[in-house]
């Protein structure tokens, strides 16, 4: 990471998972990745599967399989996830990358649920 990128990261307010990422995951990911469905053997209701299956590398966005699966490939190739619907917006990917870089803290008592 460049010095300028580090400065920008430090200048931003830390990502609040409950406020910034939980609603996105509930809306975009839980329809396929929740305890009762677990497509790809992954539930995103809690961080348990992310950690157990090594989908997340706290502090290391470049090593996080989750981020790689959501990021478009070379030449704008469609990302692996989501399978259905539009890919995540660049701003959402940036937020996820920042959250991972900041240590991927998920509040212990927070269990995500699909919004109806």
C-alpha atoms as a PDB file:
ATOM      1  CA  UNK A   1       0.000   0.000   0.000  1.00  0.00           C
ATOM      2  CA  UNK A   2       1.388   3.399  -0.922  1.00  0.00           C
ATOM      3  CA  UNK A   3       2.054   6.092   1.648  1.00  0.00           C
ATOM      4  CA  UNK A   4      -0.742   8.189   0.142  1.00  0.00           C
ATOM      5  CA  UNK A   5      -3.217   5.292   0.399  1.00  0.00           C
ATOM      6  CA  UNK A   6      -2.229   4.809   4.051  1.00  0.00           C
ATOM      7  CA  UNK A   7      -2.792   8.509   4.721  1.00  0.00           C
ATOM      8  CA  UNK A   8      -6.230   8.425   3.110  1.00  0.00           C
ATOM      9  CA  UNK A   9      -7.170   5.329   5.099  1.00  0.00           C
ATOM     10  CA  UNK A  10      -6.138   7.013   8.349  1.00  0.00           C
ATOM     11  CA  UNK A  11      -7.972  10.225   7.445  1.00  0.00           C
ATOM     12  CA  UNK A  12     -11.299   8.426   7.025  1.00  0.00           C
ATOM     13  CA  UNK A  13     -13.679   7.575   9.816  1.00  0.00           C
ATOM     14  CA  UNK A  14     -13.386   3.874  10.715  1.00  0.00           C
ATOM     15  CA  UNK A  15     -15.953   1.573   9.153  1.00  0.00           C
ATOM     16  CA  UNK A  16     -18.823   0.806  11.515  1.00  0.00           C
ATOM     17  CA  UNK A  17     -19.828  -2.731  10.534  1.00  0.00           C
ATOM     18  CA  UNK A  18     -23.365  -2.543  11.968  1.00  0.00           C
ATOM     19  CA  UNK A  19     -24.084   0.780  10.298  1.00  0.00           C
ATOM     20  CA  UNK A  20     -22.097   0.544   7.063  1.00  0.00           C
ATOM     21  CA  UNK A  21     -21.839  -3.107   6.010  1.00  0.00           C
ATOM     22  CA  UNK A  22     -24.561  -5.102   7.789  1.00  0.00           C
ATOM     23  CA  UNK A  23     -27.435  -3.573   5.759  1.00  0.00           C
ATOM     24  CA  UNK A  24     -25.583  -4.281   2.499  1.00  0.00           C
ATOM     25  CA  UNK A  25     -24.899  -7.912   3.454  1.00  0.00           C
ATOM     26  CA  UNK A  26     -28.471  -8.416   4.618  1.00  0.00           C
ATOM     27  CA  UNK A  27     -29.864  -7.059   1.368  1.00  0.00           C
ATOM     28  CA  UNK A  28     -27.386  -8.446  -1.162  1.00  0.00           C
ATOM     29  CA  UNK A  29     -25.801 -11.582   0.347  1.00  0.00           C
ATOM     30  CA  UNK A  30     -28.125 -13.248   2.838  1.00  0.00           C
ATOM     31  CA  UNK A  31     -30.707 -14.406   0.287  1.00  0.00           C
ATOM     32  CA  UNK A  32     -28.135 -17.074  -0.716  1.00  0.00           C
ATOM     33  CA  UNK A  33     -25.753 -17.163   2.265  1.00  0.00           C
ATOM     34  CA  UNK A  34     -27.676 -17.669   5.508  1.00  0.00           C
ATOM     35  CA  UNK A  35     -27.870 -20.580   7.964  1.00  0.00           C
ATOM     36  CA  UNK A  36     -30.798 -22.303   6.204  1.00  0.00           C
ATOM     37  CA  UNK A  37     -29.370 -22.009   2.679  1.00  0.00           C
ATOM     38  CA  UNK A  38     -25.543 -21.733   2.911  1.00  0.00           C
ATOM     39  CA  UNK A  39     -24.769 -21.767  -0.815  1.00  0.00           C
ATOM     40  CA  UNK A  40     -21.088 -22.538  -1.236  1.00  0.00           C
ATOM     41  CA  UNK A  41     -21.073 -23.743   2.395  1.00  0.00           C
ATOM     42  CA  UNK A  42     -21.095 -20.117   3.515  1.00  0.00           C
ATOM     43  CA  UNK A  43     -23.451 -18.271   5.827  1.00  0.00           C
ATOM     44  CA  UNK A  44     -22.911 -14.555   6.308  1.00  0.00           C
ATOM     45  CA  UNK A  45     -25.244 -14.244   9.291  1.00  0.00           C
ATOM     46  CA  UNK A  46     -22.209 -14.297  11.595  1.00  0.00           C
ATOM     47  CA  UNK A  47     -18.455 -14.206  10.965  1.00  0.00           C
ATOM     48  CA  UNK A  48     -18.057 -17.901  11.925  1.00  0.00           C
ATOM     49  CA  UNK A  49     -18.034 -19.334   8.368  1.00  0.00           C
ATOM     50  CA  UNK A  50     -15.877 -16.494   7.053  1.00  0.00           C
ATOM     51  CA  UNK A  51     -13.221 -17.282   9.629  1.00  0.00           C
ATOM     52  CA  UNK A  52     -13.563 -21.094   9.627  1.00  0.00           C
ATOM     53  CA  UNK A  53     -13.376 -21.323   5.821  1.00  0.00           C
ATOM     54  CA  UNK A  54     -10.599 -18.705   5.626  1.00  0.00           C
ATOM     55  CA  UNK A  55     -12.663 -16.370   3.453  1.00  0.00           C
ATOM     56  CA  UNK A  56     -11.464 -13.418   5.480  1.00  0.00           C
ATOM     57  CA  UNK A  57      -7.953 -12.249   6.340  1.00  0.00           C
ATOM     58  CA  UNK A  58      -8.377  -9.436   8.895  1.00  0.00           C
ATOM     59  CA  UNK A  59      -5.935  -6.621   8.182  1.00  0.00           C
ATOM     60  CA  UNK A  60      -5.084  -8.072   4.755  1.00  0.00           C
ATOM     61  CA  UNK A  61      -7.652  -7.153   2.090  1.00  0.00           C
ATOM     62  CA  UNK A  62      -5.462  -8.525  -0.720  1.00  0.00           C
ATOM     63  CA  UNK A  63      -5.483 -11.960   0.918  1.00  0.00           C
ATOM     64  CA  UNK A  64      -9.238 -12.059   1.617  1.00  0.00           C
ATOM     65  CA  UNK A  65     -11.050 -14.578  -0.574  1.00  0.00           C
ATOM     66  CA  UNK A  66     -14.322 -12.766   0.123  1.00  0.00           C
ATOM     67  CA  UNK A  67     -13.075  -9.544  -1.427  1.00  0.00           C
ATOM     68  CA  UNK A  68     -11.573 -11.403  -4.395  1.00  0.00           C
ATOM     69  CA  UNK A  69     -14.905 -13.155  -5.062  1.00  0.00           C
ATOM     70  CA  UNK A  70     -16.732  -9.816  -5.140  1.00  0.00           C
ATOM     71  CA  UNK A  71     -14.208  -7.873  -7.230  1.00  0.00           C
ATOM     72  CA  UNK A  72     -14.524  -7.755 -11.036  1.00  0.00           C
ATOM     73  CA  UNK A  73     -11.749  -9.501 -12.921  1.00  0.00           C
ATOM     74  CA  UNK A  74      -9.402  -8.125 -15.572  1.00  0.00           C
ATOM     75  CA  UNK A  75     -11.079  -6.223 -18.352  1.00  0.00           C
ATOM     76  CA  UNK A  76     -14.188  -5.731 -16.233  1.00  0.00           C
ATOM     77  CA  UNK A  77     -14.975  -9.453 -16.201  1.00  0.00           C
ATOM     78  CA  UNK A  78     -17.967 -10.225 -13.966  1.00  0.00           C
ATOM     79  CA  UNK A  79     -16.996 -11.127 -10.381  1.00  0.00           C
ATOM     80  CA  UNK A  80     -17.731 -14.610  -9.038  1.00  0.00           C
ATOM     81  CA  UNK A  81     -20.270 -13.133  -6.621  1.00  0.00           C
ATOM     82  CA  UNK A  82     -23.055 -12.257  -6.607  1.00  0.00           C
ATOM     83  CA  UNK A  83     -24.160 -14.951  -9.038  1.00  0.00           C
ATOM     84  CA  UNK A  84     -27.476 -13.185  -9.606  1.00  0.00           C
ATOM     85  CA  UNK A  85     -28.116  -9.481  -9.856  1.00  0.00           C
ATOM     86  CA  UNK A  86     -25.734  -6.612 -10.352  1.00  0.00           C
ATOM     87  CA  UNK A  87     -22.186  -6.729  -8.985  1.00  0.00           C
ATOM     88  CA  UNK A  88     -21.470  -4.602  -5.947  1.00  0.00           C
ATOM     89  CA  UNK A  89     -20.699  -0.958  -6.631  1.00  0.00           C
ATOM     90  CA  UNK A  90     -17.117   0.254  -6.367  1.00  0.00           C
ATOM     91  CA  UNK A  91     -18.022   2.267  -3.255  1.00  0.00           C
ATOM     92  CA  UNK A  92     -19.293  -0.894  -1.535  1.00  0.00           C
ATOM     93  CA  UNK A  93     -16.146  -2.802  -2.468  1.00  0.00           C
ATOM     94  CA  UNK A  94     -14.034   0.060  -1.107  1.00  0.00           C
ATOM     95  CA  UNK A  95     -15.991  -0.006   2.153  1.00  0.00           C
ATOM     96  CA  UNK A  96     -15.490  -3.764   2.456  1.00  0.00           C
ATOM     97  CA  UNK A  97     -11.773  -3.378   1.688  1.00  0.00           C
ATOM     98  CA  UNK A  98     -11.439  -0.695   4.372  1.00  0.00           C
ATOM     99  CA  UNK A  99     -13.309  -2.851   6.913  1.00  0.00           C
ATOM    100  CA  UNK A 100     -10.945  -5.760   6.258  1.00  0.00           C
ATOM    101  CA  UNK A 101      -7.880  -3.469   6.413  1.00  0.00           C
ATOM    102  CA  UNK A 102      -9.111  -2.133   9.761  1.00  0.00           C
ATOM    103  CA  UNK A 103      -9.229  -5.647  11.210  1.00  0.00           C
ATOM    104  CA  UNK A 104     -12.666  -6.888  10.047  1.00  0.00           C
ATOM    105  CA  UNK A 105     -14.304  -6.320  13.420  1.00  0.00           C
ATOM    106  CA  UNK A 106     -17.836  -7.786  13.611  1.00  0.00           C
ATOM    107  CA  UNK A 107     -19.741  -7.067  16.847  1.00  0.00           C
ATOM    108  CA  UNK A 108     -19.985 -10.319  18.837  1.00  0.00           C
ATOM    109  CA  UNK A 109     -23.725 -10.142  19.428  1.00  0.00           C
ATOM    110  CA  UNK A 110     -24.675  -9.066  15.898  1.00  0.00           C
ATOM    111  CA  UNK A 111     -26.455 -11.761  13.882  1.00  0.00           C
ATOM    112  CA  UNK A 112     -27.579 -10.661  10.438  1.00  0.00           C
ATOM    113  CA  UNK A 113     -31.022 -11.569   9.117  1.00  0.00           C
ATOM    114  CA  UNK A 114     -32.415 -11.325   5.620  1.00  0.00           C
ATOM    115  CA  UNK A 115     -34.669  -8.320   5.254  1.00  0.00           C
ATOM    116  CA  UNK A 116     -38.113  -9.026   3.885  1.00  0.00           C
END
